[in-house]
Protein backbone atom coordinates (compact mmCIF):
# COMPACT_ATOMS: atom_id res chain seq x y z
CA MET A 1 -17.25 -1.47 7.36
CA SER A 2 -14.22 -0.58 5.66
CA ARG A 3 -12.04 2.11 7.31
CA ILE A 4 -10.29 1.99 3.30
CA ARG A 5 -13.81 2.33 1.99
CA ASP A 6 -14.90 5.09 4.43
CA THR A 7 -11.60 7.13 4.16
CA PHE A 8 -11.80 7.17 0.16
CA ASN A 9 -15.47 8.33 0.57
CA ILE A 10 -15.19 10.82 2.60
CA LEU A 11 -12.19 12.34 0.79
CA ARG A 12 -14.32 12.15 -2.78
CA GLY A 13 -17.15 14.10 -0.49
CA ASN A 14 -14.27 16.67 0.19
CA GLY A 15 -12.89 16.89 -3.52
CA LYS A 16 -9.71 15.68 -2.33
CA LYS A 17 -7.41 12.61 -3.26
CA ALA A 18 -5.35 9.90 -1.08
CA LEU A 19 -2.00 10.02 0.02
CA ILE A 20 -0.98 6.55 0.71
CA PRO A 21 2.99 6.27 2.18
CA TYR A 22 4.82 3.04 2.70
CA ILE A 23 7.32 2.34 5.10
CA MET A 24 9.11 -0.83 5.87
CA ALA A 25 8.13 -2.30 9.19
CA GLY A 26 11.08 -2.78 11.60
CA ASP A 27 13.07 -0.36 9.79
CA PRO A 28 15.15 0.78 11.76
CA SER A 29 13.24 -0.71 14.28
CA LEU A 30 9.45 -1.66 15.66
CA ASP A 31 9.40 1.03 17.98
CA ALA A 32 10.65 3.55 15.08
CA THR A 33 8.45 2.26 13.11
CA LYS A 34 5.32 3.08 15.53
CA GLN A 35 6.69 6.75 15.65
CA TYR A 36 7.04 6.78 11.85
CA VAL A 37 3.18 5.82 11.40
CA MET A 38 2.34 8.44 14.04
CA ASP A 39 4.60 11.08 11.84
CA LEU A 40 2.70 10.22 8.44
CA GLU A 41 -0.70 10.45 10.09
CA ALA A 42 0.30 14.10 11.48
CA ALA A 43 1.81 14.75 8.41
CA GLY A 44 -1.41 14.33 6.43
CA ALA A 45 -1.33 10.65 5.19
CA ASP A 46 -4.80 8.96 4.72
CA ILE A 47 -3.64 5.50 4.98
CA ILE A 48 -0.49 4.09 5.29
CA GLU A 49 1.12 0.87 3.89
CA LEU A 50 3.31 -1.44 6.18
CA GLY A 51 5.70 -3.34 4.31
CA VAL A 52 6.20 -6.99 6.06
CA PRO A 53 10.25 -8.01 5.19
CA PHE A 54 10.59 -10.96 2.87
CA SER A 55 13.85 -12.57 1.93
CA ASP A 56 12.87 -12.55 -1.84
CA PRO A 57 10.99 -9.38 -2.48
CA LEU A 58 10.60 -9.62 -6.12
CA ALA A 59 8.31 -6.21 -6.90
CA ASP A 60 11.11 -4.22 -4.85
CA GLY A 61 13.67 -1.99 -5.88
CA PRO A 62 17.05 -1.69 -4.10
CA THR A 63 15.66 0.87 -1.27
CA ILE A 64 12.52 -1.38 -0.25
CA GLN A 65 15.02 -4.57 -0.63
CA ARG A 66 17.47 -2.95 1.72
CA ALA A 67 15.40 -1.52 3.90
CA ALA A 68 13.72 -5.65 4.13
CA GLU A 69 17.01 -6.73 4.70
CA ARG A 70 17.68 -4.33 7.75
CA ALA A 71 13.89 -5.22 9.67
CA LEU A 72 14.92 -9.24 8.82
CA THR A 73 18.28 -8.55 10.66
CA ASN A 74 16.69 -6.61 13.54
CA GLY A 75 14.28 -10.13 13.89
CA THR A 76 11.06 -8.75 12.01
CA THR A 77 8.68 -11.51 11.26
CA LEU A 78 4.77 -11.11 10.26
CA LYS A 79 3.98 -12.30 13.94
CA LYS A 80 6.04 -9.11 15.19
CA VAL A 81 3.99 -6.40 12.81
CA LEU A 82 0.88 -7.65 13.89
CA GLY A 83 1.92 -7.19 17.23
CA LEU A 84 3.10 -3.39 16.09
CA VAL A 85 -0.66 -2.83 14.58
CA ARG A 86 -2.20 -4.03 17.35
CA GLU A 87 -0.25 -1.44 19.36
CA ILE A 88 -0.80 1.15 16.73
CA ARG A 89 -4.39 0.62 17.54
CA GLN A 90 -4.31 1.87 20.48
CA VAL A 91 -3.46 5.30 19.84
CA SER A 92 -4.71 5.56 16.24
CA ASP A 93 -7.57 4.80 13.76
CA ILE A 94 -6.01 5.67 10.79
CA PRO A 95 -5.95 2.47 7.58
CA LEU A 96 -3.53 0.53 8.03
CA ILE A 97 -2.30 -1.92 4.91
CA LEU A 98 -0.15 -4.89 5.22
CA MET A 99 2.04 -5.41 1.45
CA THR A 100 3.32 -8.94 1.97
CA TYR A 101 4.48 -11.82 0.05
CA TYR A 102 2.60 -14.86 0.17
CA ASN A 103 5.07 -17.16 1.87
CA PRO A 104 4.94 -15.40 5.48
CA VAL A 105 1.00 -15.69 4.99
CA PHE A 106 1.18 -19.39 3.64
CA LYS A 107 3.39 -20.67 6.42
CA MET A 108 1.19 -19.07 9.08
CA GLY A 109 -1.72 -20.50 7.50
CA ILE A 110 -4.30 -18.54 5.29
CA GLY A 111 -7.07 -18.54 8.24
CA PRO A 112 -4.99 -17.84 11.18
CA PHE A 113 -3.48 -15.04 8.97
CA ILE A 114 -7.00 -13.43 8.11
CA LYS A 115 -8.40 -13.58 11.52
CA LYS A 116 -4.96 -12.09 13.77
CA ALA A 117 -4.91 -9.59 11.03
CA VAL A 118 -8.39 -8.60 11.39
CA SER A 119 -8.03 -9.04 15.39
CA ALA A 120 -4.61 -6.83 15.20
CA GLY A 121 -6.29 -4.11 13.41
CA VAL A 122 -5.21 -4.23 9.70
CA ASP A 123 -7.77 -2.93 7.03
CA GLY A 124 -6.23 -4.64 4.10
CA VAL A 125 -3.57 -6.85 2.39
CA ILE A 126 -1.53 -6.56 -0.89
CA ILE A 127 0.27 -9.69 -1.83
CA PRO A 128 2.37 -8.81 -5.07
CA ASP A 129 2.92 -12.71 -5.43
CA LEU A 130 -0.83 -13.86 -5.00
CA ILE A 131 -2.59 -13.18 -8.25
CA PRO A 132 -6.41 -13.31 -8.51
CA ASP A 133 -6.60 -16.10 -10.77
CA GLU A 134 -4.89 -18.18 -7.64
CA ALA A 135 -6.52 -16.42 -4.73
CA GLU A 136 -10.25 -17.86 -4.50
CA ASP A 137 -9.10 -19.38 -1.16
CA PHE A 138 -7.88 -16.31 0.13
CA ILE A 139 -10.29 -13.78 -1.26
CA LYS A 140 -13.11 -15.96 0.65
CA PRO A 141 -12.24 -15.65 4.13
CA ALA A 142 -10.85 -12.44 3.82
CA ARG A 143 -14.27 -11.06 2.72
CA ALA A 144 -16.24 -13.13 5.25
CA HIS A 145 -13.68 -11.52 8.08
CA GLY A 146 -13.71 -7.63 6.48
CA LEU A 147 -10.36 -7.54 5.17
CA ASP A 148 -9.76 -5.81 1.81
CA THR A 149 -7.77 -7.66 -0.63
CA ILE A 150 -6.12 -5.05 -2.86
CA TYR A 151 -4.19 -6.49 -6.34
CA LEU A 152 -2.36 -4.64 -8.97
CA LEU A 153 -3.01 -3.43 -12.45
CA ALA A 154 -0.11 -2.19 -14.85
CA PRO A 155 -0.24 -0.43 -17.95
CA THR A 156 0.47 -3.99 -19.85
CA SER A 157 -2.68 -5.09 -18.14
CA THR A 158 -5.47 -6.48 -20.32
CA PRO A 159 -9.48 -6.00 -20.48
CA GLU A 160 -9.87 -9.55 -19.19
CA ARG A 161 -6.78 -8.83 -16.55
CA ILE A 162 -8.81 -5.16 -15.68
CA SER A 163 -11.65 -7.03 -15.02
CA ARG A 164 -10.73 -9.75 -12.98
CA VAL A 165 -9.01 -7.52 -10.75
CA VAL A 166 -11.81 -5.19 -10.10
CA LYS A 167 -13.82 -8.08 -9.23
CA ALA A 168 -11.33 -9.46 -6.81
CA SER A 169 -10.06 -6.17 -5.11
CA THR A 170 -11.89 -4.21 -2.49
CA GLY A 171 -10.50 -1.16 -0.37
CA PHE A 172 -8.80 -0.03 -3.62
CA ILE A 173 -7.09 -1.00 -7.07
CA TYR A 174 -3.74 -0.58 -6.94
CA TYR A 175 -2.11 0.86 -10.56
CA VAL A 176 1.62 -0.17 -10.85
CA SER A 177 2.57 3.39 -13.06
CA ILE A 178 5.30 1.49 -14.63
CA THR A 179 6.41 -2.20 -15.78
CA GLY A 180 9.28 -2.44 -13.35
CA ILE A 181 10.11 -2.31 -9.88
CA THR A 182 9.51 -0.15 -6.94
CA GLY A 183 11.67 3.24 -6.85
CA SER A 184 11.85 3.34 -11.10
CA ALA A 185 11.28 6.71 -12.86
CA LEU A 186 7.84 7.70 -13.25
CA THR A 187 7.22 8.73 -16.70
CA ILE A 188 3.20 9.53 -17.16
CA GLU A 189 2.50 8.24 -20.65
CA LYS A 190 -0.37 7.82 -23.07
CA PRO A 191 -0.86 3.83 -21.99
CA MET A 192 -1.45 4.69 -18.23
CA LYS A 193 -4.09 7.22 -18.78
CA ASP A 194 -6.00 4.89 -21.39
CA THR A 195 -5.83 1.64 -18.78
CA LEU A 196 -6.52 4.16 -16.01
CA ASN A 197 -9.98 5.62 -18.11
CA SER A 198 -10.64 2.05 -18.73
CA ILE A 199 -10.63 0.99 -15.06
CA LYS A 200 -12.89 3.72 -14.27
CA GLY A 201 -15.14 2.90 -17.19
CA ILE A 202 -15.82 -0.50 -15.41
CA THR A 203 -15.89 0.16 -11.67
CA ALA A 204 -16.63 3.28 -9.12
CA LYS A 205 -13.92 1.32 -6.91
CA PRO A 206 -11.18 3.69 -6.38
CA VAL A 207 -7.96 3.73 -8.00
CA ALA A 208 -4.60 4.72 -6.04
CA VAL A 209 -1.11 4.56 -8.48
CA GLY A 210 1.81 4.02 -6.89
CA PHE A 211 5.94 3.11 -8.37
CA GLY A 212 7.96 5.57 -9.37
CA ILE A 213 6.09 8.86 -7.61
CA SER A 214 8.95 10.55 -5.42
CA ARG A 215 8.20 14.67 -6.28
CA PRO A 216 5.62 16.62 -5.39
CA GLU A 217 4.66 17.90 -8.87
CA GLU A 218 4.85 14.28 -9.70
CA ALA A 219 2.10 13.57 -6.92
CA SER A 220 0.16 16.28 -8.01
CA ALA A 221 0.32 15.07 -11.74
CA ILE A 222 -0.92 11.65 -10.76
CA SER A 223 -3.44 12.82 -8.44
CA LYS A 224 -5.24 14.67 -11.27
CA LEU A 225 -5.79 11.15 -13.00
CA ALA A 226 -6.34 8.89 -9.41
CA ASP A 227 -7.72 8.43 -6.62
CA GLY A 228 -4.94 8.04 -4.52
CA VAL A 229 -1.37 8.53 -4.45
CA ILE A 230 1.30 5.90 -3.28
CA VAL A 231 4.90 6.83 -2.52
CA GLY A 232 7.53 4.27 -0.89
CA SER A 233 10.81 4.39 -1.97
CA ALA A 234 11.64 8.25 -1.62
CA ILE A 235 9.95 7.99 2.25
CA VAL A 236 12.10 4.44 2.90
CA LYS A 237 15.25 6.20 1.57
CA LEU A 238 14.74 9.17 3.83
CA ILE A 239 14.71 6.56 6.83
CA ALA A 240 17.72 5.11 5.84
CA GLN A 241 19.54 8.11 5.76
CA GLY A 242 18.28 8.99 9.54
CA LYS A 243 16.54 12.16 8.27
CA SER A 244 12.86 13.43 9.54
CA ILE A 245 10.28 12.28 6.65
CA LYS A 246 7.15 15.02 8.06
CA ASN A 247 8.48 18.01 5.73
CA TYR A 248 8.74 15.77 2.99
CA VAL A 249 5.41 13.84 3.40
CA LYS A 250 3.90 17.50 3.90
CA SER A 251 5.15 18.97 0.70
CA LEU A 252 3.63 15.50 -1.13
CA ARG A 253 0.13 16.21 0.95
CA LYS A 254 0.13 19.67 -0.08
CA ALA A 255 0.51 19.21 -3.83
CA ILE A 256 -2.27 16.61 -4.05
CA ARG A 257 -4.54 18.58 -2.24
């Protein structure tokens, strides 16, 4: 059973879309991250992405890069993030996704990572620098243990790439709304709509859109095109400023209902 798949099925049955916030684990501390997860769930999040800090986060913009640096300075590691997930599972069943780079996974070992992640209560993983073409050794054991593998598509994706990602992805497909880094400005243009239509034309798997979404009106517009809305940098920025995230996330939830 997949908590991610079940969540999307329930939302679809109720005519709703998923709100998927992202936060960096360990920023400003692991204890704080645990409380932020509780706050996100209380504010209406359906699925939560937890970033695993890495020293060379190629897909991330300045806001999330700085969050990763703070988390690394605080001593946050993949092992500690898995321990955090185990703690969260004592009080919450909300689907949790780890967004990490391949280096920490490779260092731990693919097999041990998958087993430890599933045992801790992780539902899915996003590894931006492990493309489906090179991920067979990861995908097979992940599926065997019930760990969802979520891959990325973009406005520039070819039909061949779309087909490969659709096949490799479980849980949902992550559509990157812009050809850039996290935190960039969002524009909803024809290539996005065309690619989303192409994806939906060959699969019933949910598609969630991320990168560049920060305002409730943007979240509302995206929710009309996709099954889920992913918001990261705007939330990470509030955390860095020491501000509450509850009201902001509630405004996103209200906008995409």
